């Protein structure tokens, strides 16, 4: 059985199905204008957050105890249980989220070929 990540409008039709078991998601913090990145894996039909990193600190971006500074990024392994889905909301104050799958990166609208619904749901395809 192949593994894929589905992007859909919340509770709606699948807008894109991207093959692979790993992806990264990045965005710019709306207040601090600092980049945030997360590494995810699809494991046992759920989304597992394997690493988070932020380039700096500030309002709502404090790195937790145990984070390490590497090449200008605060990096840590979040203590978050695997999730059934991740819900993303768009902000008119920041650029679109960027999603990387299989070494290919695009803003979310590039993966779905049009405007990004808000909220947007990321989940393993079933």
PDB file of N, CA and C in Angstrom:
ATOM      1  N   UNK A   1       0.837  -1.175   0.000  1.00  0.00           N
ATOM      2  CA  UNK A   1       0.000   0.000   0.000  1.00  0.00           C
ATOM      3  C   UNK A   1       0.884   1.242   0.000  1.00  0.00           C
ATOM      4  N   UNK A   2       0.678   2.152  -0.930  1.00  0.00           N
ATOM      5  CA  UNK A   2       1.500   3.353  -1.005  1.00  0.00           C
ATOM      6  C   UNK A   2       0.988   4.399  -0.019  1.00  0.00           C
ATOM      7  N   UNK A   3       1.914   5.240   0.437  1.00  0.00           N
ATOM      8  CA  UNK A   3       1.604   6.277   1.409  1.00  0.00           C
ATOM      9  C   UNK A   3       1.547   7.605   0.668  1.00  0.00           C
ATOM     10  N   UNK A   4       0.568   8.440   1.022  1.00  0.00           N
ATOM     11  CA  UNK A   4       0.440   9.752   0.400  1.00  0.00           C
ATOM     12  C   UNK A   4      -0.151  10.737   1.399  1.00  0.00           C
ATOM     13  N   UNK A   5       0.156  12.007   1.183  1.00  0.00           N
ATOM     14  CA  UNK A   5      -0.376  13.099   1.981  1.00  0.00           C
ATOM     15  C   UNK A   5      -1.494  13.753   1.185  1.00  0.00           C
ATOM     16  N   UNK A   6      -2.669  13.897   1.796  1.00  0.00           N
ATOM     17  CA  UNK A   6      -3.799  14.543   1.137  1.00  0.00           C
ATOM     18  C   UNK A   6      -3.968  15.963   1.653  1.00  0.00           C
ATOM     19  N   UNK A   7      -4.221  16.884   0.738  1.00  0.00           N
ATOM     20  CA  UNK A   7      -4.535  18.267   1.054  1.00  0.00           C
ATOM     21  C   UNK A   7      -5.983  18.480   0.666  1.00  0.00           C
ATOM     22  N   UNK A   8      -6.797  18.982   1.582  1.00  0.00           N
ATOM     23  CA  UNK A   8      -8.207  19.180   1.278  1.00  0.00           C
ATOM     24  C   UNK A   8      -8.766  20.367   2.037  1.00  0.00           C
ATOM     25  N   UNK A   9      -9.874  20.897   1.511  1.00  0.00           N
ATOM     26  CA  UNK A   9     -10.624  21.887   2.267  1.00  0.00           C
ATOM     27  C   UNK A   9     -11.184  21.140   3.468  1.00  0.00           C
ATOM     28  N   UNK A  10     -11.286  21.786   4.582  1.00  0.00           N
ATOM     29  CA  UNK A  10     -11.733  21.139   5.811  1.00  0.00           C
ATOM     30  C   UNK A  10     -13.056  20.415   5.581  1.00  0.00           C
ATOM     31  N   UNK A  11     -13.023  19.094   5.731  1.00  0.00           N
ATOM     32  CA  UNK A  11     -14.210  18.277   5.537  1.00  0.00           C
ATOM     33  C   UNK A  11     -14.653  18.147   4.089  1.00  0.00           C
ATOM     34  N   UNK A  12     -13.822  18.612   3.159  1.00  0.00           N
ATOM     35  CA  UNK A  12     -14.210  18.622   1.755  1.00  0.00           C
ATOM     36  C   UNK A  12     -13.412  17.651   0.913  1.00  0.00           C
ATOM     37  N   UNK A  13     -13.499  17.859  -0.376  1.00  0.00           N
ATOM     38  CA  UNK A  13     -12.834  16.993  -1.344  1.00  0.00           C
ATOM     39  C   UNK A  13     -11.322  17.166  -1.289  1.00  0.00           C
ATOM     40  N   UNK A  14     -10.619  16.113  -1.679  1.00  0.00           N
ATOM     41  CA  UNK A  14      -9.157  16.148  -1.751  1.00  0.00           C
ATOM     42  C   UNK A  14      -8.750  17.040  -2.931  1.00  0.00           C
ATOM     43  N   UNK A  15      -7.903  18.018  -2.658  1.00  0.00           N
ATOM     44  CA  UNK A  15      -7.417  18.942  -3.681  1.00  0.00           C
ATOM     45  C   UNK A  15      -6.110  18.463  -4.296  1.00  0.00           C
ATOM     46  N   UNK A  16      -5.325  17.676  -3.523  1.00  0.00           N
ATOM     47  CA  UNK A  16      -4.070  17.110  -4.019  1.00  0.00           C
ATOM     48  C   UNK A  16      -3.704  15.918  -3.151  1.00  0.00           C
ATOM     49  N   UNK A  17      -3.122  14.901  -3.778  1.00  0.00           N
ATOM     50  CA  UNK A  17      -2.585  13.733  -3.079  1.00  0.00           C
ATOM     51  C   UNK A  17      -1.119  13.629  -3.473  1.00  0.00           C
ATOM     52  N   UNK A  18      -0.238  13.784  -2.509  1.00  0.00           N
ATOM     53  CA  UNK A  18       1.201  13.838  -2.770  1.00  0.00           C
ATOM     54  C   UNK A  18       1.862  12.569  -2.248  1.00  0.00           C
ATOM     55  N   UNK A  19       2.481  11.777  -3.122  1.00  0.00           N
ATOM     56  CA  UNK A  19       3.068  10.512  -2.686  1.00  0.00           C
ATOM     57  C   UNK A  19       4.284  10.710  -1.797  1.00  0.00           C
ATOM     58  N   UNK A  20       4.442   9.802  -0.844  1.00  0.00           N
ATOM     59  CA  UNK A  20       5.600   9.821   0.035  1.00  0.00           C
ATOM     60  C   UNK A  20       5.190   9.793   1.487  1.00  0.00           C
ATOM     61  N   UNK A  21       6.146   9.413   2.330  1.00  0.00           N
ATOM     62  CA  UNK A  21       5.848   9.283   3.752  1.00  0.00           C
ATOM     63  C   UNK A  21       6.436  10.413   4.593  1.00  0.00           C
ATOM     64  N   UNK A  22       7.135  11.364   3.968  1.00  0.00           N
ATOM     65  CA  UNK A  22       7.743  12.461   4.718  1.00  0.00           C
ATOM     66  C   UNK A  22       7.503  13.783   3.997  1.00  0.00           C
ATOM     67  N   UNK A  23       7.364  14.835   4.793  1.00  0.00           N
ATOM     68  CA  UNK A  23       7.203  16.172   4.220  1.00  0.00           C
ATOM     69  C   UNK A  23       7.662  17.205   5.227  1.00  0.00           C
ATOM     70  N   UNK A  24       7.961  18.394   4.726  1.00  0.00           N
ATOM     71  CA  UNK A  24       8.282  19.507   5.611  1.00  0.00           C
ATOM     72  C   UNK A  24       7.340  20.660   5.299  1.00  0.00           C
ATOM     73  N   UNK A  25       7.093  21.432   6.319  1.00  0.00           N
ATOM     74  CA  UNK A  25       6.175  22.549   6.219  1.00  0.00           C
ATOM     75  C   UNK A  25       6.875  23.762   6.807  1.00  0.00           C
ATOM     76  N   UNK A  26       6.842  24.894   6.105  1.00  0.00           N
ATOM     77  CA  UNK A  26       7.458  26.107   6.640  1.00  0.00           C
ATOM     78  C   UNK A  26       6.554  27.300   6.385  1.00  0.00           C
ATOM     79  N   UNK A  27       6.728  28.318   7.221  1.00  0.00           N
ATOM     80  CA  UNK A  27       5.939  29.532   7.102  1.00  0.00           C
ATOM     81  C   UNK A  27       6.659  30.655   7.825  1.00  0.00           C
ATOM     82  N   UNK A  28       6.183  31.871   7.628  1.00  0.00           N
ATOM     83  CA  UNK A  28       6.738  33.049   8.285  1.00  0.00           C
ATOM     84  C   UNK A  28       5.778  33.491   9.372  1.00  0.00           C
ATOM     85  N   UNK A  29       6.303  33.684  10.578  1.00  0.00           N
ATOM     86  CA  UNK A  29       5.503  34.139  11.710  1.00  0.00           C
ATOM     87  C   UNK A  29       4.936  35.519  11.383  1.00  0.00           C
ATOM     88  N   UNK A  30       3.649  35.721  11.594  1.00  0.00           N
ATOM     89  CA  UNK A  30       2.980  36.950  11.161  1.00  0.00           C
ATOM     90  C   UNK A  30       3.440  38.199  11.915  1.00  0.00           C
ATOM     91  N   UNK A  31       3.892  38.068  13.146  1.00  0.00           N
ATOM     92  CA  UNK A  31       4.326  39.231  13.919  1.00  0.00           C
ATOM     93  C   UNK A  31       5.836  39.413  13.838  1.00  0.00           C
ATOM     94  N   UNK A  32       6.577  38.348  14.114  1.00  0.00           N
ATOM     95  CA  UNK A  32       8.036  38.436  14.178  1.00  0.00           C
ATOM     96  C   UNK A  32       8.710  38.381  12.807  1.00  0.00           C
ATOM     97  N   UNK A  33       7.971  37.953  11.769  1.00  0.00           N
ATOM     98  CA  UNK A  33       8.517  37.835  10.402  1.00  0.00           C
ATOM     99  C   UNK A  33       9.724  36.907  10.370  1.00  0.00           C
ATOM    100  N   UNK A  34       9.672  35.848  11.164  1.00  0.00           N
ATOM    101  CA  UNK A  34      10.738  34.865  11.296  1.00  0.00           C
ATOM    102  C   UNK A  34      10.246  33.524  10.776  1.00  0.00           C
ATOM    103  N   UNK A  35      11.125  32.783  10.120  1.00  0.00           N
ATOM    104  CA  UNK A  35      10.726  31.503   9.530  1.00  0.00           C
ATOM    105  C   UNK A  35      10.652  30.392  10.576  1.00  0.00           C
ATOM    106  N   UNK A  36       9.662  29.552  10.403  1.00  0.00           N
ATOM    107  CA  UNK A  36       9.420  28.373  11.238  1.00  0.00           C
ATOM    108  C   UNK A  36       9.353  27.182  10.295  1.00  0.00           C
ATOM    109  N   UNK A  37       9.966  26.063  10.673  1.00  0.00           N
ATOM    110  CA  UNK A  37       9.924  24.841   9.852  1.00  0.00           C
ATOM    111  C   UNK A  37       9.599  23.641  10.723  1.00  0.00           C
ATOM    112  N   UNK A  38       8.872  22.708  10.131  1.00  0.00           N
ATOM    113  CA  UNK A  38       8.561  21.448  10.804  1.00  0.00           C
ATOM    114  C   UNK A  38       8.788  20.292   9.845  1.00  0.00           C
ATOM    115  N   UNK A  39       9.293  19.198  10.384  1.00  0.00           N
ATOM    116  CA  UNK A  39       9.492  17.961   9.629  1.00  0.00           C
ATOM    117  C   UNK A  39       8.456  16.948  10.115  1.00  0.00           C
ATOM    118  N   UNK A  40       7.759  16.316   9.182  1.00  0.00           N
ATOM    119  CA  UNK A  40       6.675  15.380   9.494  1.00  0.00           C
ATOM    120  C   UNK A  40       6.891  14.056   8.776  1.00  0.00           C
ATOM    121  N   UNK A  41       6.361  12.985   9.357  1.00  0.00           N
ATOM    122  CA  UNK A  41       6.343  11.662   8.731  1.00  0.00           C
ATOM    123  C   UNK A  41       4.954  11.069   8.890  1.00  0.00           C
ATOM    124  N   UNK A  42       4.547  10.313   7.898  1.00  0.00           N
ATOM    125  CA  UNK A  42       3.306   9.547   8.011  1.00  0.00           C
ATOM    126  C   UNK A  42       3.692   8.186   8.564  1.00  0.00           C
ATOM    127  N   UNK A  43       3.176   7.877   9.759  1.00  0.00           N
ATOM    128  CA  UNK A  43       3.483   6.618  10.432  1.00  0.00           C
ATOM    129  C   UNK A  43       2.191   6.011  10.968  1.00  0.00           C
ATOM    130  N   UNK A  44       1.913   4.792  10.565  1.00  0.00           N
ATOM    131  CA  UNK A  44       0.722   4.083  11.044  1.00  0.00           C
ATOM    132  C   UNK A  44      -0.558   4.890  10.828  1.00  0.00           C
ATOM    133  N   UNK A  45      -0.655   5.550   9.672  1.00  0.00           N
ATOM    134  CA  UNK A  45      -1.863   6.289   9.325  1.00  0.00           C
ATOM    135  C   UNK A  45      -2.047   7.597  10.065  1.00  0.00           C
ATOM    136  N   UNK A  46      -0.987   8.096  10.681  1.00  0.00           N
ATOM    137  CA  UNK A  46      -1.051   9.372  11.407  1.00  0.00           C
ATOM    138  C   UNK A  46       0.142  10.245  11.023  1.00  0.00           C
ATOM    139  N   UNK A  47       0.063  11.517  11.399  1.00  0.00           N
ATOM    140  CA  UNK A  47       1.137  12.464  11.126  1.00  0.00           C
ATOM    141  C   UNK A  47       1.981  12.638  12.380  1.00  0.00           C
ATOM    142  N   UNK A  48       3.265  12.299  12.264  1.00  0.00           N
ATOM    143  CA  UNK A  48       4.193  12.399  13.395  1.00  0.00           C
ATOM    144  C   UNK A  48       5.138  13.573  13.156  1.00  0.00           C
ATOM    145  N   UNK A  49       5.149  14.527  14.085  1.00  0.00           N
ATOM    146  CA  UNK A  49       6.040  15.679  14.021  1.00  0.00           C
ATOM    147  C   UNK A  49       7.394  15.246  14.572  1.00  0.00           C
ATOM    148  N   UNK A  50       8.414  15.219  13.710  1.00  0.00           N
ATOM    149  CA  UNK A  50       9.715  14.681  14.113  1.00  0.00           C
ATOM    150  C   UNK A  50      10.735  15.756  14.476  1.00  0.00           C
ATOM    151  N   UNK A  51      10.549  16.986  13.969  1.00  0.00           N
ATOM    152  CA  UNK A  51      11.484  18.070  14.291  1.00  0.00           C
ATOM    153  C   UNK A  51      10.811  19.408  14.029  1.00  0.00           C
ATOM    154  N   UNK A  52      11.131  20.375  14.882  1.00  0.00           N
ATOM    155  CA  UNK A  52      10.696  21.758  14.667  1.00  0.00           C
ATOM    156  C   UNK A  52      11.934  22.638  14.766  1.00  0.00           C
ATOM    157  N   UNK A  53      11.898  23.735  14.034  1.00  0.00           N
ATOM    158  CA  UNK A  53      13.010  24.678  14.093  1.00  0.00           C
ATOM    159  C   UNK A  53      12.470  26.076  13.829  1.00  0.00           C
ATOM    160  N   UNK A  54      13.073  27.034  14.491  1.00  0.00           N
ATOM    161  CA  UNK A  54      12.694  28.425  14.304  1.00  0.00           C
ATOM    162  C   UNK A  54      13.971  29.255  14.240  1.00  0.00           C
ATOM    163  N   UNK A  55      13.963  30.222  13.348  1.00  0.00           N
ATOM    164  CA  UNK A  55      15.151  31.061  13.134  1.00  0.00           C
ATOM    165  C   UNK A  55      14.981  32.326  13.966  1.00  0.00           C
ATOM    166  N   UNK A  56      15.244  32.193  15.252  1.00  0.00           N
ATOM    167  CA  UNK A  56      15.115  33.320  16.161  1.00  0.00           C
ATOM    168  C   UNK A  56      14.117  33.008  17.257  1.00  0.00           C
ATOM    169  N   UNK A  57      13.721  34.056  17.971  1.00  0.00           N
ATOM    170  CA  UNK A  57      12.731  33.897  19.025  1.00  0.00           C
ATOM    171  C   UNK A  57      11.907  35.170  19.082  1.00  0.00           C
ATOM    172  N   UNK A  58      10.825  35.106  19.823  1.00  0.00           N
ATOM    173  CA  UNK A  58       9.962  36.271  19.939  1.00  0.00           C
ATOM    174  C   UNK A  58       8.575  35.841  20.340  1.00  0.00           C
ATOM    175  N   UNK A  59       7.617  36.700  20.107  1.00  0.00           N
ATOM    176  CA  UNK A  59       6.229  36.471  20.509  1.00  0.00           C
ATOM    177  C   UNK A  59       5.696  35.154  19.962  1.00  0.00           C
ATOM    178  N   UNK A  60       5.386  34.221  20.855  1.00  0.00           N
ATOM    179  CA  UNK A  60       4.813  32.938  20.445  1.00  0.00           C
ATOM    180  C   UNK A  60       5.800  32.004  19.784  1.00  0.00           C
ATOM    181  N   UNK A  61       7.081  32.285  19.866  1.00  0.00           N
ATOM    182  CA  UNK A  61       8.081  31.469  19.174  1.00  0.00           C
ATOM    183  C   UNK A  61       9.191  31.010  20.102  1.00  0.00           C
ATOM    184  N   UNK A  62       8.922  30.936  21.376  1.00  0.00           N
ATOM    185  CA  UNK A  62       9.946  30.529  22.314  1.00  0.00           C
ATOM    186  C   UNK A  62      10.272  29.056  22.113  1.00  0.00           C
ATOM    187  N   UNK A  63      11.541  28.751  21.987  1.00  0.00           N
ATOM    188  CA  UNK A  63      11.941  27.350  21.857  1.00  0.00           C
ATOM    189  C   UNK A  63      11.908  26.711  23.241  1.00  0.00           C
ATOM    190  N   UNK A  64      11.573  25.432  23.313  1.00  0.00           N
ATOM    191  CA  UNK A  64      11.458  24.772  24.610  1.00  0.00           C
ATOM    192  C   UNK A  64      12.815  24.415  25.209  1.00  0.00           C
ATOM    193  N   UNK A  65      12.791  24.045  26.477  1.00  0.00           N
ATOM    194  CA  UNK A  65      13.998  23.563  27.140  1.00  0.00           C
ATOM    195  C   UNK A  65      14.526  22.379  26.336  1.00  0.00           C
ATOM    196  N   UNK A  66      15.821  22.305  26.174  1.00  0.00           N
ATOM    197  CA  UNK A  66      16.424  21.214  25.419  1.00  0.00           C
ATOM    198  C   UNK A  66      16.655  21.531  23.958  1.00  0.00           C
ATOM    199  N   UNK A  67      16.132  22.667  23.479  1.00  0.00           N
ATOM    200  CA  UNK A  67      16.391  23.058  22.089  1.00  0.00           C
ATOM    201  C   UNK A  67      17.868  23.399  21.950  1.00  0.00           C
ATOM    202  N   UNK A  68      18.405  23.150  20.760  1.00  0.00           N
ATOM    203  CA  UNK A  68      19.810  23.455  20.515  1.00  0.00           C
ATOM    204  C   UNK A  68      19.909  24.451  19.356  1.00  0.00           C
ATOM    205  N   UNK A  69      20.916  25.272  19.387  1.00  0.00           N
ATOM    206  CA  UNK A  69      21.148  26.251  18.326  1.00  0.00           C
ATOM    207  C   UNK A  69      22.052  25.612  17.285  1.00  0.00           C
ATOM    208  N   UNK A  70      21.572  25.535  16.038  1.00  0.00           N
ATOM    209  CA  UNK A  70      22.333  24.932  14.937  1.00  0.00           C
ATOM    210  C   UNK A  70      22.191  25.797  13.692  1.00  0.00           C
ATOM    211  N   UNK A  71      23.294  26.373  13.242  1.00  0.00           N
ATOM    212  CA  UNK A  71      23.314  27.204  12.034  1.00  0.00           C
ATOM    213  C   UNK A  71      22.267  28.319  12.073  1.00  0.00           C
ATOM    214  N   UNK A  72      22.093  28.934  13.244  1.00  0.00           N
ATOM    215  CA  UNK A  72      21.163  30.050  13.376  1.00  0.00           C
ATOM    216  C   UNK A  72      19.719  29.648  13.644  1.00  0.00           C
ATOM    217  N   UNK A  73      19.452  28.353  13.755  1.00  0.00           N
ATOM    218  CA  UNK A  73      18.096  27.852  14.019  1.00  0.00           C
ATOM    219  C   UNK A  73      18.027  27.217  15.406  1.00  0.00           C
ATOM    220  N   UNK A  74      16.957  27.471  16.149  1.00  0.00           N
ATOM    221  CA  UNK A  74      16.670  26.711  17.356  1.00  0.00           C
ATOM    222  C   UNK A  74      15.959  25.448  16.905  1.00  0.00           C
ATOM    223  N   UNK A  75      16.502  24.280  17.252  1.00  0.00           N
ATOM    224  CA  UNK A  75      16.010  22.989  16.752  1.00  0.00           C
ATOM    225  C   UNK A  75      15.653  22.100  17.939  1.00  0.00           C
ATOM    226  N   UNK A  76      14.533  21.400  17.845  1.00  0.00           N
ATOM    227  CA  UNK A  76      14.127  20.470  18.898  1.00  0.00           C
ATOM    228  C   UNK A  76      13.178  19.414  18.347  1.00  0.00           C
ATOM    229  N   UNK A  77      12.972  18.382  19.134  1.00  0.00           N
ATOM    230  CA  UNK A  77      12.001  17.339  18.807  1.00  0.00           C
ATOM    231  C   UNK A  77      10.777  17.579  19.683  1.00  0.00           C
ATOM    232  N   UNK A  78       9.664  18.013  19.086  1.00  0.00           N
ATOM    233  CA  UNK A  78       8.467  18.310  19.874  1.00  0.00           C
ATOM    234  C   UNK A  78       7.880  17.064  20.541  1.00  0.00           C
ATOM    235  N   UNK A  79       7.337  17.263  21.723  1.00  0.00           N
ATOM    236  CA  UNK A  79       6.675  16.174  22.449  1.00  0.00           C
ATOM    237  C   UNK A  79       5.190  16.218  22.122  1.00  0.00           C
ATOM    238  N   UNK A  80       4.882  15.886  20.857  1.00  0.00           N
ATOM    239  CA  UNK A  80       3.507  15.908  20.367  1.00  0.00           C
ATOM    240  C   UNK A  80       3.165  14.503  19.894  1.00  0.00           C
ATOM    241  N   UNK A  81       2.052  13.943  20.357  1.00  0.00           N
ATOM    242  CA  UNK A  81       1.685  12.612  19.876  1.00  0.00           C
ATOM    243  C   UNK A  81       1.287  12.679  18.391  1.00  0.00           C
ATOM    244  N   UNK A  82       1.363  11.562  17.665  1.00  0.00           N
ATOM    245  CA  UNK A  82       0.931  11.555  16.267  1.00  0.00           C
ATOM    246  C   UNK A  82      -0.518  12.039  16.131  1.00  0.00           C
ATOM    247  N   UNK A  83      -0.758  12.788  15.071  1.00  0.00           N
ATOM    248  CA  UNK A  83      -2.057  13.421  14.842  1.00  0.00           C
ATOM    249  C   UNK A  83      -2.778  12.796  13.646  1.00  0.00           C
ATOM    250  N   UNK A  84      -4.087  12.829  13.676  1.00  0.00           N
ATOM    251  CA  UNK A  84      -4.875  12.366  12.528  1.00  0.00           C
ATOM    252  C   UNK A  84      -4.797  13.356  11.379  1.00  0.00           C
ATOM    253  N   UNK A  85      -4.668  14.656  11.724  1.00  0.00           N
ATOM    254  CA  UNK A  85      -4.630  15.704  10.698  1.00  0.00           C
ATOM    255  C   UNK A  85      -3.998  16.958  11.271  1.00  0.00           C
ATOM    256  N   UNK A  86      -3.587  17.838  10.370  1.00  0.00           N
ATOM    257  CA  UNK A  86      -3.073  19.154  10.728  1.00  0.00           C
ATOM    258  C   UNK A  86      -3.922  20.162   9.973  1.00  0.00           C
ATOM    259  N   UNK A  87      -4.410  21.158  10.682  1.00  0.00           N
ATOM    260  CA  UNK A  87      -5.244  22.196  10.079  1.00  0.00           C
ATOM    261  C   UNK A  87      -4.414  23.471   9.957  1.00  0.00           C
ATOM    262  N   UNK A  88      -4.366  24.026   8.747  1.00  0.00           N
ATOM    263  CA  UNK A  88      -3.625  25.264   8.491  1.00  0.00           C
ATOM    264  C   UNK A  88      -4.602  26.382   8.163  1.00  0.00           C
ATOM    265  N   UNK A  89      -4.356  27.538   8.725  1.00  0.00           N
ATOM    266  CA  UNK A  89      -5.151  28.724   8.412  1.00  0.00           C
ATOM    267  C   UNK A  89      -4.258  29.724   7.697  1.00  0.00           C
ATOM    268  N   UNK A  90      -4.796  30.372   6.699  1.00  0.00           N
ATOM    269  CA  UNK A  90      -4.037  31.373   5.949  1.00  0.00           C
ATOM    270  C   UNK A  90      -4.075  32.705   6.691  1.00  0.00           C
ATOM    271  N   UNK A  91      -3.037  33.498   6.488  1.00  0.00           N
ATOM    272  CA  UNK A  91      -2.977  34.847   7.049  1.00  0.00           C
ATOM    273  C   UNK A  91      -2.718  35.828   5.912  1.00  0.00           C
ATOM    274  N   UNK A  92      -3.442  36.917   5.925  1.00  0.00           N
ATOM    275  CA  UNK A  92      -3.213  37.939   4.891  1.00  0.00           C
ATOM    276  C   UNK A  92      -1.943  38.742   5.198  1.00  0.00           C
ATOM    277  N   UNK A  93      -1.313  38.485   6.356  1.00  0.00           N
ATOM    278  CA  UNK A  93      -0.121  39.216   6.761  1.00  0.00           C
ATOM    279  C   UNK A  93       1.175  38.499   6.405  1.00  0.00           C
ATOM    280  N   UNK A  94       1.086  37.275   5.882  1.00  0.00           N
ATOM    281  CA  UNK A  94       2.289  36.488   5.576  1.00  0.00           C
ATOM    282  C   UNK A  94       2.134  35.790   4.236  1.00  0.00           C
ATOM    283  N   UNK A  95       3.264  35.370   3.651  1.00  0.00           N
ATOM    284  CA  UNK A  95       3.181  34.554   2.434  1.00  0.00           C
ATOM    285  C   UNK A  95       2.555  33.194   2.752  1.00  0.00           C
ATOM    286  N   UNK A  96       2.184  32.493   1.711  1.00  0.00           N
ATOM    287  CA  UNK A  96       1.622  31.150   1.815  1.00  0.00           C
ATOM    288  C   UNK A  96       2.596  30.213   2.521  1.00  0.00           C
ATOM    289  N   UNK A  97       2.090  29.183   3.204  1.00  0.00           N
ATOM    290  CA  UNK A  97       2.947  28.118   3.737  1.00  0.00           C
ATOM    291  C   UNK A  97       3.692  27.479   2.562  1.00  0.00           C
ATOM    292  N   UNK A  98       4.864  26.943   2.821  1.00  0.00           N
ATOM    293  CA  UNK A  98       5.605  26.177   1.817  1.00  0.00           C
ATOM    294  C   UNK A  98       5.616  24.729   2.259  1.00  0.00           C
ATOM    295  N   UNK A  99       5.307  23.835   1.323  1.00  0.00           N
ATOM    296  CA  UNK A  99       5.274  22.399   1.585  1.00  0.00           C
ATOM    297  C   UNK A  99       6.303  21.729   0.688  1.00  0.00           C
ATOM    298  N   UNK A 100       7.162  20.905   1.299  1.00  0.00           N
ATOM    299  CA  UNK A 100       8.177  20.162   0.552  1.00  0.00           C
ATOM    300  C   UNK A 100       7.886  18.669   0.677  1.00  0.00           C
ATOM    301  N   UNK A 101       7.834  17.996  -0.463  1.00  0.00           N
ATOM    302  CA  UNK A 101       7.600  16.552  -0.519  1.00  0.00           C
ATOM    303  C   UNK A 101       8.572  15.963  -1.529  1.00  0.00           C
ATOM    304  N   UNK A 102       9.318  14.940  -1.125  1.00  0.00           N
ATOM    305  CA  UNK A 102      10.258  14.300  -2.043  1.00  0.00           C
ATOM    306  C   UNK A 102      11.300  15.243  -2.607  1.00  0.00           C
ATOM    307  N   UNK A 103      11.708  16.244  -1.825  1.00  0.00           N
ATOM    308  CA  UNK A 103      12.726  17.182  -2.276  1.00  0.00           C
ATOM    309  C   UNK A 103      12.205  18.300  -3.168  1.00  0.00           C
ATOM    310  N   UNK A 104      10.896  18.327  -3.419  1.00  0.00           N
ATOM    311  CA  UNK A 104      10.279  19.370  -4.240  1.00  0.00           C
ATOM    312  C   UNK A 104       9.477  20.278  -3.320  1.00  0.00           C
ATOM    313  N   UNK A 105       9.722  21.588  -3.416  1.00  0.00           N
ATOM    314  CA  UNK A 105       9.050  22.553  -2.551  1.00  0.00           C
ATOM    315  C   UNK A 105       8.218  23.534  -3.377  1.00  0.00           C
ATOM    316  N   UNK A 106       7.011  23.793  -2.890  1.00  0.00           N
ATOM    317  CA  UNK A 106       6.122  24.777  -3.514  1.00  0.00           C
ATOM    318  C   UNK A 106       5.297  25.448  -2.424  1.00  0.00           C
ATOM    319  N   UNK A 107       4.866  26.694  -2.661  1.00  0.00           N
ATOM    320  CA  UNK A 107       3.829  27.249  -1.795  1.00  0.00           C
ATOM    321  C   UNK A 107       2.587  26.347  -1.929  1.00  0.00           C
ATOM    322  N   UNK A 108       1.746  26.337  -0.917  1.00  0.00           N
ATOM    323  CA  UNK A 108       0.582  25.449  -0.959  1.00  0.00           C
ATOM    324  C   UNK A 108      -0.254  25.632  -2.219  1.00  0.00           C
ATOM    325  N   UNK A 109      -0.437  26.884  -2.663  1.00  0.00           N
ATOM    326  CA  UNK A 109      -1.258  27.092  -3.858  1.00  0.00           C
ATOM    327  C   UNK A 109      -0.648  26.420  -5.088  1.00  0.00           C
ATOM    328  N   UNK A 110       0.679  26.232  -5.088  1.00  0.00           N
ATOM    329  CA  UNK A 110       1.333  25.541  -6.205  1.00  0.00           C
ATOM    330  C   UNK A 110       1.021  24.051  -6.228  1.00  0.00           C
ATOM    331  N   UNK A 111       0.765  23.464  -5.063  1.00  0.00           N
ATOM    332  CA  UNK A 111       0.428  22.042  -5.007  1.00  0.00           C
ATOM    333  C   UNK A 111      -1.027  21.793  -5.407  1.00  0.00           C
ATOM    334  N   UNK A 112      -1.909  22.752  -5.113  1.00  0.00           N
ATOM    335  CA  UNK A 112      -3.325  22.504  -5.400  1.00  0.00           C
ATOM    336  C   UNK A 112      -3.799  23.213  -6.666  1.00  0.00           C
ATOM    337  N   UNK A 113      -2.926  24.014  -7.262  1.00  0.00           N
ATOM    338  CA  UNK A 113      -3.252  24.631  -8.549  1.00  0.00           C
ATOM    339  C   UNK A 113      -4.281  25.740  -8.479  1.00  0.00           C
ATOM    340  N   UNK A 114      -4.330  26.434  -7.366  1.00  0.00           N
ATOM    341  CA  UNK A 114      -5.280  27.533  -7.247  1.00  0.00           C
ATOM    342  C   UNK A 114      -5.269  28.111  -5.850  1.00  0.00           C
ATOM    343  N   UNK A 115      -6.257  28.957  -5.555  1.00  0.00           N
ATOM    344  CA  UNK A 115      -6.316  29.570  -4.226  1.00  0.00           C
ATOM    345  C   UNK A 115      -6.399  28.515  -3.120  1.00  0.00           C
ATOM    346  N   UNK A 116      -5.762  28.796  -2.015  1.00  0.00           N
ATOM    347  CA  UNK A 116      -5.744  27.867  -0.886  1.00  0.00           C
ATOM    348  C   UNK A 116      -6.949  28.150   0.005  1.00  0.00           C
ATOM    349  N   UNK A 117      -7.787  27.150   0.218  1.00  0.00           N
ATOM    350  CA  UNK A 117      -8.906  27.367   1.139  1.00  0.00           C
ATOM    351  C   UNK A 117      -8.383  27.524   2.567  1.00  0.00           C
ATOM    352  N   UNK A 118      -9.084  28.299   3.356  1.00  0.00           N
ATOM    353  CA  UNK A 118      -8.690  28.440   4.755  1.00  0.00           C
ATOM    354  C   UNK A 118      -9.912  28.125   5.603  1.00  0.00           C
ATOM    355  N   UNK A 119      -9.812  27.089   6.415  1.00  0.00           N
ATOM    356  CA  UNK A 119      -8.628  26.301   6.695  1.00  0.00           C
ATOM    357  C   UNK A 119      -8.374  25.222   5.646  1.00  0.00           C
ATOM    358  N   UNK A 120      -7.127  24.746   5.639  1.00  0.00           N
ATOM    359  CA  UNK A 120      -6.700  23.647   4.773  1.00  0.00           C
ATOM    360  C   UNK A 120      -6.305  22.488   5.672  1.00  0.00           C
ATOM    361  N   UNK A 121      -6.695  21.295   5.283  1.00  0.00           N
ATOM    362  CA  UNK A 121      -6.427  20.103   6.089  1.00  0.00           C
ATOM    363  C   UNK A 121      -5.342  19.259   5.425  1.00  0.00           C
ATOM    364  N   UNK A 122      -4.334  18.872   6.210  1.00  0.00           N
ATOM    365  CA  UNK A 122      -3.308  17.928   5.772  1.00  0.00           C
ATOM    366  C   UNK A 122      -3.542  16.632   6.547  1.00  0.00           C
ATOM    367  N   UNK A 123      -3.603  15.506   5.831  1.00  0.00           N
ATOM    368  CA  UNK A 123      -3.813  14.237   6.512  1.00  0.00           C
ATOM    369  C   UNK A 123      -3.336  13.106   5.604  1.00  0.00           C
ATOM    370  N   UNK A 124      -3.042  11.956   6.198  1.00  0.00           N
ATOM    371  CA  UNK A 124      -2.686  10.810   5.357  1.00  0.00           C
ATOM    372  C   UNK A 124      -3.883  10.432   4.483  1.00  0.00           C
ATOM    373  N   UNK A 125      -3.629  10.125   3.233  1.00  0.00           N
ATOM    374  CA  UNK A 125      -4.707   9.667   2.345  1.00  0.00           C
ATOM    375  C   UNK A 125      -5.147   8.278   2.811  1.00  0.00           C
ATOM    376  N   UNK A 126      -6.396   8.016   2.725  1.00  0.00           N
ATOM    377  CA  UNK A 126      -6.921   6.703   3.116  1.00  0.00           C
ATOM    378  C   UNK A 126      -7.386   5.960   1.896  1.00  0.00           C
TER     379      UNK A 126
END
